[in-house]
């Protein structure tokens, strides 16, 4: 059964109220919500190498209507994002229906740079960016000494134009208040943003959340190697907590933190403890 028929059945049987996929309009694929009221639009449903964080759209829809039944195209990275969103109570798994499709032929695959490629199946591929997923990302970092590593990251961060593309495309960025817009952390009106605060704040928030889909790096117009930064954060989380985001429904060790920005000074006792 092709994907159009599967989506049609989900809608007709009222298993979902809306199905999130890609619709071809004037030769371009864009994220689109297919509904029972507009079944004729299904003829334009497509699956190709186009990628977008459909899960992010789902979280916005669920925020407005918590009981909305949502269908979604699910590649491997989509499913990891959904798993993480379930554990953070952003989506209810009983309200989500997925149609699994083969992993996309995106540039991550072309460059043998998808974290979830099986070792030995990458072939003789010349990578153009990123790091080998079958090796430890820390190894690449450690090829530089401390001074070289610091200088390289300062150079990369200096290219940032603060477009917020990395945050906006990220399927697991869902805080009700974004620290990157808090004036006491990231001063507004400066380009590039204060180096390295902007990207380090985001990197800290990605620890234990990043599912390594690579959308942030694909969206970055400055081509900052964001995945390398977030992979290193997740390596630390994995080493300390034995936790890998999105691989199952295990709760993140950081779920107690919350999703609001809190920058309130707290009084210290006589011993200097807060």
C-alpha atoms as a PDB file:
ATOM      1  CA  UNK A   1       0.000   0.000   0.000  1.00  0.00           C
ATOM      2  CA  UNK A   2       1.471   3.368  -0.970  1.00  0.00           C
ATOM      3  CA  UNK A   3       1.735   6.216   1.497  1.00  0.00           C
ATOM      4  CA  UNK A   4      -1.177   8.178   0.017  1.00  0.00           C
ATOM      5  CA  UNK A   5      -3.547   5.256   0.591  1.00  0.00           C
ATOM      6  CA  UNK A   6      -2.232   4.810   4.135  1.00  0.00           C
ATOM      7  CA  UNK A   7      -2.842   8.458   4.978  1.00  0.00           C
ATOM      8  CA  UNK A   8      -6.267   8.328   3.339  1.00  0.00           C
ATOM      9  CA  UNK A   9      -7.240   5.375   5.539  1.00  0.00           C
ATOM     10  CA  UNK A  10      -6.021   7.075   8.712  1.00  0.00           C
ATOM     11  CA  UNK A  11      -8.137  10.127   7.937  1.00  0.00           C
ATOM     12  CA  UNK A  12     -11.239   8.253   6.765  1.00  0.00           C
ATOM     13  CA  UNK A  13     -11.182   5.925   9.785  1.00  0.00           C
ATOM     14  CA  UNK A  14     -10.772   8.996  12.023  1.00  0.00           C
ATOM     15  CA  UNK A  15      -7.600   7.629  13.557  1.00  0.00           C
ATOM     16  CA  UNK A  16      -6.084  11.064  13.002  1.00  0.00           C
ATOM     17  CA  UNK A  17      -7.543  14.545  12.664  1.00  0.00           C
ATOM     18  CA  UNK A  18      -4.591  15.850  10.701  1.00  0.00           C
ATOM     19  CA  UNK A  19      -1.629  14.226   8.989  1.00  0.00           C
ATOM     20  CA  UNK A  20       1.678  16.084   8.772  1.00  0.00           C
ATOM     21  CA  UNK A  21       3.666  15.423   5.633  1.00  0.00           C
ATOM     22  CA  UNK A  22       5.005  17.186   2.569  1.00  0.00           C
ATOM     23  CA  UNK A  23       2.925  18.660  -0.228  1.00  0.00           C
ATOM     24  CA  UNK A  24       4.272  19.579  -3.637  1.00  0.00           C
ATOM     25  CA  UNK A  25       3.308  23.098  -4.673  1.00  0.00           C
ATOM     26  CA  UNK A  26       4.783  24.644  -7.822  1.00  0.00           C
ATOM     27  CA  UNK A  27       7.559  22.069  -7.829  1.00  0.00           C
ATOM     28  CA  UNK A  28       8.531  22.631  -4.197  1.00  0.00           C
ATOM     29  CA  UNK A  29       7.856  20.378  -1.216  1.00  0.00           C
ATOM     30  CA  UNK A  30       6.600  22.164   1.877  1.00  0.00           C
ATOM     31  CA  UNK A  31       5.324  20.891   5.240  1.00  0.00           C
ATOM     32  CA  UNK A  32       1.562  20.529   5.095  1.00  0.00           C
ATOM     33  CA  UNK A  33      -1.312  19.301   7.221  1.00  0.00           C
ATOM     34  CA  UNK A  34      -3.704  16.989   5.367  1.00  0.00           C
ATOM     35  CA  UNK A  35      -7.255  16.750   6.762  1.00  0.00           C
ATOM     36  CA  UNK A  36     -10.552  15.009   6.002  1.00  0.00           C
ATOM     37  CA  UNK A  37     -11.960  18.297   4.762  1.00  0.00           C
ATOM     38  CA  UNK A  38      -9.296  18.498   2.049  1.00  0.00           C
ATOM     39  CA  UNK A  39      -8.763  14.899   0.964  1.00  0.00           C
ATOM     40  CA  UNK A  40      -8.160  16.002  -2.626  1.00  0.00           C
ATOM     41  CA  UNK A  41      -4.847  17.517  -1.507  1.00  0.00           C
ATOM     42  CA  UNK A  42      -3.487  14.022  -0.890  1.00  0.00           C
ATOM     43  CA  UNK A  43      -2.696  13.705  -4.578  1.00  0.00           C
ATOM     44  CA  UNK A  44       0.126  16.182  -3.930  1.00  0.00           C
ATOM     45  CA  UNK A  45       1.570  14.245  -0.960  1.00  0.00           C
ATOM     46  CA  UNK A  46       5.240  13.448  -1.562  1.00  0.00           C
ATOM     47  CA  UNK A  47       8.190  11.903   0.254  1.00  0.00           C
ATOM     48  CA  UNK A  48      11.687  12.777  -0.930  1.00  0.00           C
ATOM     49  CA  UNK A  49      14.960  14.076   0.464  1.00  0.00           C
ATOM     50  CA  UNK A  50      13.255  17.196   1.832  1.00  0.00           C
ATOM     51  CA  UNK A  51      13.414  17.401   5.624  1.00  0.00           C
ATOM     52  CA  UNK A  52      11.687  19.549   8.183  1.00  0.00           C
ATOM     53  CA  UNK A  53      10.907  19.109  11.859  1.00  0.00           C
ATOM     54  CA  UNK A  54       7.316  17.976  11.458  1.00  0.00           C
ATOM     55  CA  UNK A  55       7.391  17.030  15.147  1.00  0.00           C
ATOM     56  CA  UNK A  56       7.829  20.710  16.023  1.00  0.00           C
ATOM     57  CA  UNK A  57       4.636  21.503  14.133  1.00  0.00           C
ATOM     58  CA  UNK A  58       2.961  18.661  16.030  1.00  0.00           C
ATOM     59  CA  UNK A  59       3.967  20.136  19.401  1.00  0.00           C
ATOM     60  CA  UNK A  60       2.491  23.517  18.434  1.00  0.00           C
ATOM     61  CA  UNK A  61      -0.755  21.865  17.333  1.00  0.00           C
ATOM     62  CA  UNK A  62      -0.919  19.787  20.516  1.00  0.00           C
ATOM     63  CA  UNK A  63      -0.318  22.873  22.628  1.00  0.00           C
ATOM     64  CA  UNK A  64      -3.440  24.467  21.155  1.00  0.00           C
ATOM     65  CA  UNK A  65      -5.499  21.262  21.254  1.00  0.00           C
ATOM     66  CA  UNK A  66      -4.062  18.593  23.603  1.00  0.00           C
ATOM     67  CA  UNK A  67      -6.541  15.958  22.376  1.00  0.00           C
ATOM     68  CA  UNK A  68      -5.877  16.463  18.666  1.00  0.00           C
ATOM     69  CA  UNK A  69      -4.986  13.187  16.951  1.00  0.00           C
ATOM     70  CA  UNK A  70      -1.963  13.741  14.741  1.00  0.00           C
ATOM     71  CA  UNK A  71      -0.420  11.587  12.039  1.00  0.00           C
ATOM     72  CA  UNK A  72       3.140  12.126  10.943  1.00  0.00           C
ATOM     73  CA  UNK A  73       5.720  10.772   8.519  1.00  0.00           C
ATOM     74  CA  UNK A  74       8.409   9.123  10.633  1.00  0.00           C
ATOM     75  CA  UNK A  75      11.950   8.493   9.559  1.00  0.00           C
ATOM     76  CA  UNK A  76      14.473   7.276  12.103  1.00  0.00           C
ATOM     77  CA  UNK A  77      15.334  10.794  13.284  1.00  0.00           C
ATOM     78  CA  UNK A  78      11.635  11.758  13.448  1.00  0.00           C
ATOM     79  CA  UNK A  79      10.942   8.778  15.688  1.00  0.00           C
ATOM     80  CA  UNK A  80      13.820   9.677  18.009  1.00  0.00           C
ATOM     81  CA  UNK A  81      12.413  13.194  18.291  1.00  0.00           C
ATOM     82  CA  UNK A  82       8.934  11.841  19.013  1.00  0.00           C
ATOM     83  CA  UNK A  83      10.301   9.529  21.711  1.00  0.00           C
ATOM     84  CA  UNK A  84      11.996  12.431  23.423  1.00  0.00           C
ATOM     85  CA  UNK A  85       8.921  14.667  23.139  1.00  0.00           C
ATOM     86  CA  UNK A  86       6.841  11.922  24.757  1.00  0.00           C
ATOM     87  CA  UNK A  87       9.181  11.746  27.746  1.00  0.00           C
ATOM     88  CA  UNK A  88       9.073  15.536  28.157  1.00  0.00           C
ATOM     89  CA  UNK A  89       5.249  15.474  28.034  1.00  0.00           C
ATOM     90  CA  UNK A  90       5.129  17.627  24.914  1.00  0.00           C
ATOM     91  CA  UNK A  91       3.121  15.015  22.997  1.00  0.00           C
ATOM     92  CA  UNK A  92       0.886  12.140  24.058  1.00  0.00           C
ATOM     93  CA  UNK A  93       1.931   8.899  22.334  1.00  0.00           C
ATOM     94  CA  UNK A  94      -1.688   7.712  22.269  1.00  0.00           C
ATOM     95  CA  UNK A  95      -2.564  10.736  20.104  1.00  0.00           C
ATOM     96  CA  UNK A  96       0.192  10.153  17.545  1.00  0.00           C
ATOM     97  CA  UNK A  97       0.051   7.822  14.538  1.00  0.00           C
ATOM     98  CA  UNK A  98       3.191   7.368  12.468  1.00  0.00           C
ATOM     99  CA  UNK A  99       3.799   6.076   8.976  1.00  0.00           C
ATOM    100  CA  UNK A 100       7.356   4.815   8.782  1.00  0.00           C
ATOM    101  CA  UNK A 101       9.333   5.591   5.640  1.00  0.00           C
ATOM    102  CA  UNK A 102      12.833   4.626   4.640  1.00  0.00           C
ATOM    103  CA  UNK A 103      15.498   6.950   5.910  1.00  0.00           C
ATOM    104  CA  UNK A 104      15.863   9.938   3.639  1.00  0.00           C
ATOM    105  CA  UNK A 105      18.521  10.243   0.926  1.00  0.00           C
ATOM    106  CA  UNK A 106      19.625  13.536   2.468  1.00  0.00           C
ATOM    107  CA  UNK A 107      23.124  14.941   2.260  1.00  0.00           C
ATOM    108  CA  UNK A 108      23.834  13.260   5.589  1.00  0.00           C
ATOM    109  CA  UNK A 109      23.510   9.925   3.826  1.00  0.00           C
ATOM    110  CA  UNK A 110      25.452  11.089   0.784  1.00  0.00           C
ATOM    111  CA  UNK A 111      28.331  12.133   3.018  1.00  0.00           C
ATOM    112  CA  UNK A 112      28.149   9.054   5.246  1.00  0.00           C
ATOM    113  CA  UNK A 113      27.451  11.433   8.121  1.00  0.00           C
ATOM    114  CA  UNK A 114      24.189  10.142   9.577  1.00  0.00           C
ATOM    115  CA  UNK A 115      24.717   8.959  13.147  1.00  0.00           C
ATOM    116  CA  UNK A 116      22.465   5.991  12.574  1.00  0.00           C
ATOM    117  CA  UNK A 117      24.050   4.532   9.464  1.00  0.00           C
ATOM    118  CA  UNK A 118      25.040   0.963  10.177  1.00  0.00           C
ATOM    119  CA  UNK A 119      28.827   0.491  10.271  1.00  0.00           C
ATOM    120  CA  UNK A 120      30.063  -1.274   7.186  1.00  0.00           C
ATOM    121  CA  UNK A 121      27.243  -0.043   4.965  1.00  0.00           C
ATOM    122  CA  UNK A 122      28.548   3.423   4.244  1.00  0.00           C
ATOM    123  CA  UNK A 123      30.666   2.319   1.307  1.00  0.00           C
ATOM    124  CA  UNK A 124      33.590   4.216  -0.111  1.00  0.00           C
ATOM    125  CA  UNK A 125      32.188   7.685   0.444  1.00  0.00           C
ATOM    126  CA  UNK A 126      34.091  10.932   0.567  1.00  0.00           C
ATOM    127  CA  UNK A 127      32.609  13.055   3.318  1.00  0.00           C
ATOM    128  CA  UNK A 128      32.375  16.782   2.678  1.00  0.00           C
ATOM    129  CA  UNK A 129      31.538  17.842   6.223  1.00  0.00           C
ATOM    130  CA  UNK A 130      30.910  16.535   9.726  1.00  0.00           C
ATOM    131  CA  UNK A 131      32.637  13.650  11.442  1.00  0.00           C
ATOM    132  CA  UNK A 132      32.585   9.926  10.899  1.00  0.00           C
ATOM    133  CA  UNK A 133      29.582   8.545  12.831  1.00  0.00           C
ATOM    134  CA  UNK A 134      31.431   5.286  13.400  1.00  0.00           C
ATOM    135  CA  UNK A 135      34.157   6.969  15.418  1.00  0.00           C
ATOM    136  CA  UNK A 136      34.141   8.872  18.689  1.00  0.00           C
ATOM    137  CA  UNK A 137      33.411  12.582  18.037  1.00  0.00           C
ATOM    138  CA  UNK A 138      35.727  13.408  20.918  1.00  0.00           C
ATOM    139  CA  UNK A 139      38.616  11.993  18.908  1.00  0.00           C
ATOM    140  CA  UNK A 140      38.203  14.720  16.328  1.00  0.00           C
ATOM    141  CA  UNK A 141      38.130  17.369  19.060  1.00  0.00           C
ATOM    142  CA  UNK A 142      41.195  15.948  20.736  1.00  0.00           C
ATOM    143  CA  UNK A 143      43.235  16.169  17.543  1.00  0.00           C
ATOM    144  CA  UNK A 144      43.716  19.836  18.473  1.00  0.00           C
ATOM    145  CA  UNK A 145      45.403  21.088  21.596  1.00  0.00           C
ATOM    146  CA  UNK A 146      43.398  23.309  23.939  1.00  0.00           C
ATOM    147  CA  UNK A 147      44.492  26.591  22.374  1.00  0.00           C
ATOM    148  CA  UNK A 148      43.827  25.404  18.824  1.00  0.00           C
ATOM    149  CA  UNK A 149      40.417  24.030  19.782  1.00  0.00           C
ATOM    150  CA  UNK A 150      39.424  27.275  21.491  1.00  0.00           C
ATOM    151  CA  UNK A 151      40.579  29.374  18.535  1.00  0.00           C
ATOM    152  CA  UNK A 152      38.721  27.190  16.048  1.00  0.00           C
ATOM    153  CA  UNK A 153      35.442  27.390  17.954  1.00  0.00           C
ATOM    154  CA  UNK A 154      35.776  31.154  18.403  1.00  0.00           C
ATOM    155  CA  UNK A 155      36.213  31.443  14.643  1.00  0.00           C
ATOM    156  CA  UNK A 156      33.163  29.270  13.987  1.00  0.00           C
ATOM    157  CA  UNK A 157      31.001  31.174  16.481  1.00  0.00           C
ATOM    158  CA  UNK A 158      32.093  34.529  15.030  1.00  0.00           C
ATOM    159  CA  UNK A 159      30.337  33.611  11.759  1.00  0.00           C
ATOM    160  CA  UNK A 160      26.936  33.506  13.489  1.00  0.00           C
ATOM    161  CA  UNK A 161      24.356  36.044  12.264  1.00  0.00           C
ATOM    162  CA  UNK A 162      21.897  35.185  15.067  1.00  0.00           C
ATOM    163  CA  UNK A 163      19.162  34.131  12.663  1.00  0.00           C
ATOM    164  CA  UNK A 164      17.870  31.597  15.224  1.00  0.00           C
ATOM    165  CA  UNK A 165      17.661  29.043  12.426  1.00  0.00           C
ATOM    166  CA  UNK A 166      19.250  26.346  14.608  1.00  0.00           C
ATOM    167  CA  UNK A 167      16.680  26.883  17.332  1.00  0.00           C
ATOM    168  CA  UNK A 168      13.680  27.350  15.068  1.00  0.00           C
ATOM    169  CA  UNK A 169      14.263  24.150  13.082  1.00  0.00           C
ATOM    170  CA  UNK A 170      15.147  22.002  16.095  1.00  0.00           C
ATOM    171  CA  UNK A 171      12.418  19.420  16.794  1.00  0.00           C
ATOM    172  CA  UNK A 172      13.300  19.245  20.486  1.00  0.00           C
ATOM    173  CA  UNK A 173      13.443  22.986  21.254  1.00  0.00           C
ATOM    174  CA  UNK A 174      10.163  23.539  23.079  1.00  0.00           C
ATOM    175  CA  UNK A 175      10.849  25.813  26.066  1.00  0.00           C
ATOM    176  CA  UNK A 176       8.026  28.263  26.756  1.00  0.00           C
ATOM    177  CA  UNK A 177      10.690  30.913  27.339  1.00  0.00           C
ATOM    178  CA  UNK A 178      13.894  30.816  25.309  1.00  0.00           C
ATOM    179  CA  UNK A 179      17.122  31.641  27.114  1.00  0.00           C
ATOM    180  CA  UNK A 180      18.604  32.838  23.823  1.00  0.00           C
ATOM    181  CA  UNK A 181      16.152  35.752  23.913  1.00  0.00           C
ATOM    182  CA  UNK A 182      16.815  36.656  27.544  1.00  0.00           C
ATOM    183  CA  UNK A 183      18.628  40.043  27.559  1.00  0.00           C
ATOM    184  CA  UNK A 184      20.637  39.157  30.670  1.00  0.00           C
ATOM    185  CA  UNK A 185      22.150  36.162  28.889  1.00  0.00           C
ATOM    186  CA  UNK A 186      22.327  37.292  25.262  1.00  0.00           C
ATOM    187  CA  UNK A 187      22.400  41.037  24.759  1.00  0.00           C
ATOM    188  CA  UNK A 188      20.023  42.010  21.924  1.00  0.00           C
ATOM    189  CA  UNK A 189      21.097  44.043  18.910  1.00  0.00           C
ATOM    190  CA  UNK A 190      24.622  42.660  18.550  1.00  0.00           C
ATOM    191  CA  UNK A 191      25.965  40.805  15.509  1.00  0.00           C
ATOM    192  CA  UNK A 192      27.638  38.464  15.855  1.00  0.00           C
ATOM    193  CA  UNK A 193      26.081  37.656  19.234  1.00  0.00           C
ATOM    194  CA  UNK A 194      28.452  37.756  22.163  1.00  0.00           C
ATOM    195  CA  UNK A 195      30.991  35.014  21.550  1.00  0.00           C
ATOM    196  CA  UNK A 196      30.731  32.339  22.801  1.00  0.00           C
ATOM    197  CA  UNK A 197      27.716  32.863  25.107  1.00  0.00           C
ATOM    198  CA  UNK A 198      24.950  32.421  22.511  1.00  0.00           C
ATOM    199  CA  UNK A 199      26.126  29.029  21.292  1.00  0.00           C
ATOM    200  CA  UNK A 200      27.274  27.750  24.665  1.00  0.00           C
ATOM    201  CA  UNK A 201      23.864  28.501  26.185  1.00  0.00           C
ATOM    202  CA  UNK A 202      22.205  26.555  23.409  1.00  0.00           C
ATOM    203  CA  UNK A 203      24.742  23.728  23.664  1.00  0.00           C
ATOM    204  CA  UNK A 204      24.012  23.326  27.380  1.00  0.00           C
ATOM    205  CA  UNK A 205      20.301  23.104  26.600  1.00  0.00           C
ATOM    206  CA  UNK A 206      20.954  20.492  23.920  1.00  0.00           C
ATOM    207  CA  UNK A 207      22.752  18.205  26.375  1.00  0.00           C
ATOM    208  CA  UNK A 208      20.468  15.238  26.912  1.00  0.00           C
ATOM    209  CA  UNK A 209      18.033  16.502  24.277  1.00  0.00           C
ATOM    210  CA  UNK A 210      19.798  16.523  20.906  1.00  0.00           C
ATOM    211  CA  UNK A 211      18.738  13.526  18.813  1.00  0.00           C
ATOM    212  CA  UNK A 212      21.411  14.303  16.186  1.00  0.00           C
ATOM    213  CA  UNK A 213      19.051  14.774  13.250  1.00  0.00           C
ATOM    214  CA  UNK A 214      21.400  17.375  11.736  1.00  0.00           C
ATOM    215  CA  UNK A 215      18.661  19.867  10.851  1.00  0.00           C
ATOM    216  CA  UNK A 216      20.397  22.670  12.765  1.00  0.00           C
ATOM    217  CA  UNK A 217      23.552  22.308  10.713  1.00  0.00           C
ATOM    218  CA  UNK A 218      21.591  22.046   7.465  1.00  0.00           C
ATOM    219  CA  UNK A 219      19.694  25.243   8.341  1.00  0.00           C
ATOM    220  CA  UNK A 220      22.754  27.260   9.400  1.00  0.00           C
ATOM    221  CA  UNK A 221      23.630  29.792   6.657  1.00  0.00           C
ATOM    222  CA  UNK A 222      27.067  30.281   8.232  1.00  0.00           C
ATOM    223  CA  UNK A 223      27.843  26.530   8.087  1.00  0.00           C
ATOM    224  CA  UNK A 224      28.856  26.328  11.738  1.00  0.00           C
ATOM    225  CA  UNK A 225      29.552  22.665  12.673  1.00  0.00           C
ATOM    226  CA  UNK A 226      26.832  22.587  15.317  1.00  0.00           C
ATOM    227  CA  UNK A 227      26.437  18.815  15.295  1.00  0.00           C
ATOM    228  CA  UNK A 228      30.016  18.380  16.424  1.00  0.00           C
ATOM    229  CA  UNK A 229      29.368  20.664  19.388  1.00  0.00           C
ATOM    230  CA  UNK A 230      26.126  18.958  20.409  1.00  0.00           C
ATOM    231  CA  UNK A 231      27.554  15.483  19.891  1.00  0.00           C
ATOM    232  CA  UNK A 232      30.300  16.295  22.361  1.00  0.00           C
ATOM    233  CA  UNK A 233      27.705  17.479  24.888  1.00  0.00           C
ATOM    234  CA  UNK A 234      25.735  14.268  24.420  1.00  0.00           C
ATOM    235  CA  UNK A 235      28.886  12.180  24.745  1.00  0.00           C
ATOM    236  CA  UNK A 236      29.389  13.665  28.208  1.00  0.00           C
ATOM    237  CA  UNK A 237      25.746  12.992  29.120  1.00  0.00           C
ATOM    238  CA  UNK A 238      26.079   9.424  27.875  1.00  0.00           C
ATOM    239  CA  UNK A 239      29.271   8.844  29.861  1.00  0.00           C
ATOM    240  CA  UNK A 240      27.871  10.310  33.084  1.00  0.00           C
ATOM    241  CA  UNK A 241      24.230   9.195  32.971  1.00  0.00           C
ATOM    242  CA  UNK A 242      24.286   6.316  30.462  1.00  0.00           C
ATOM    243  CA  UNK A 243      21.511   8.113  28.577  1.00  0.00           C
ATOM    244  CA  UNK A 244      21.082   8.572  24.824  1.00  0.00           C
ATOM    245  CA  UNK A 245      18.257  10.922  23.789  1.00  0.00           C
ATOM    246  CA  UNK A 246      15.404   9.458  21.775  1.00  0.00           C
ATOM    247  CA  UNK A 247      16.588   5.858  21.692  1.00  0.00           C
ATOM    248  CA  UNK A 248      13.675   4.799  23.875  1.00  0.00           C
ATOM    249  CA  UNK A 249      11.105   6.161  26.295  1.00  0.00           C
ATOM    250  CA  UNK A 250      13.490   6.494  29.210  1.00  0.00           C
ATOM    251  CA  UNK A 251      13.135   9.887  30.867  1.00  0.00           C
ATOM    252  CA  UNK A 252      15.989  12.326  30.459  1.00  0.00           C
ATOM    253  CA  UNK A 253      18.096  12.948  33.588  1.00  0.00           C
ATOM    254  CA  UNK A 254      17.319  16.639  33.035  1.00  0.00           C
ATOM    255  CA  UNK A 255      13.522  16.481  33.054  1.00  0.00           C
ATOM    256  CA  UNK A 256      13.475  18.052  36.509  1.00  0.00           C
ATOM    257  CA  UNK A 257      14.925  21.308  35.169  1.00  0.00           C
ATOM    258  CA  UNK A 258      11.695  22.650  33.642  1.00  0.00           C
ATOM    259  CA  UNK A 259      11.133  24.837  30.612  1.00  0.00           C
ATOM    260  CA  UNK A 260      11.160  28.397  31.973  1.00  0.00           C
ATOM    261  CA  UNK A 261      14.103  30.790  32.192  1.00  0.00           C
ATOM    262  CA  UNK A 262      14.958  31.581  35.815  1.00  0.00           C
ATOM    263  CA  UNK A 263      17.660  34.132  36.558  1.00  0.00           C
ATOM    264  CA  UNK A 264      16.758  35.115  40.111  1.00  0.00           C
ATOM    265  CA  UNK A 265      19.585  35.736  42.603  1.00  0.00           C
ATOM    266  CA  UNK A 266      19.297  33.526  45.685  1.00  0.00           C
ATOM    267  CA  UNK A 267      20.606  34.541  49.132  1.00  0.00           C
ATOM    268  CA  UNK A 268      23.618  32.683  50.513  1.00  0.00           C
ATOM    269  CA  UNK A 269      23.926  31.377  54.034  1.00  0.00           C
ATOM    270  CA  UNK A 270      26.890  31.999  56.291  1.00  0.00           C
ATOM    271  CA  UNK A 271      28.841  29.163  54.660  1.00  0.00           C
ATOM    272  CA  UNK A 272      28.332  30.618  51.189  1.00  0.00           C
ATOM    273  CA  UNK A 273      25.839  27.953  50.162  1.00  0.00           C
ATOM    274  CA  UNK A 274      22.760  28.966  48.165  1.00  0.00           C
END
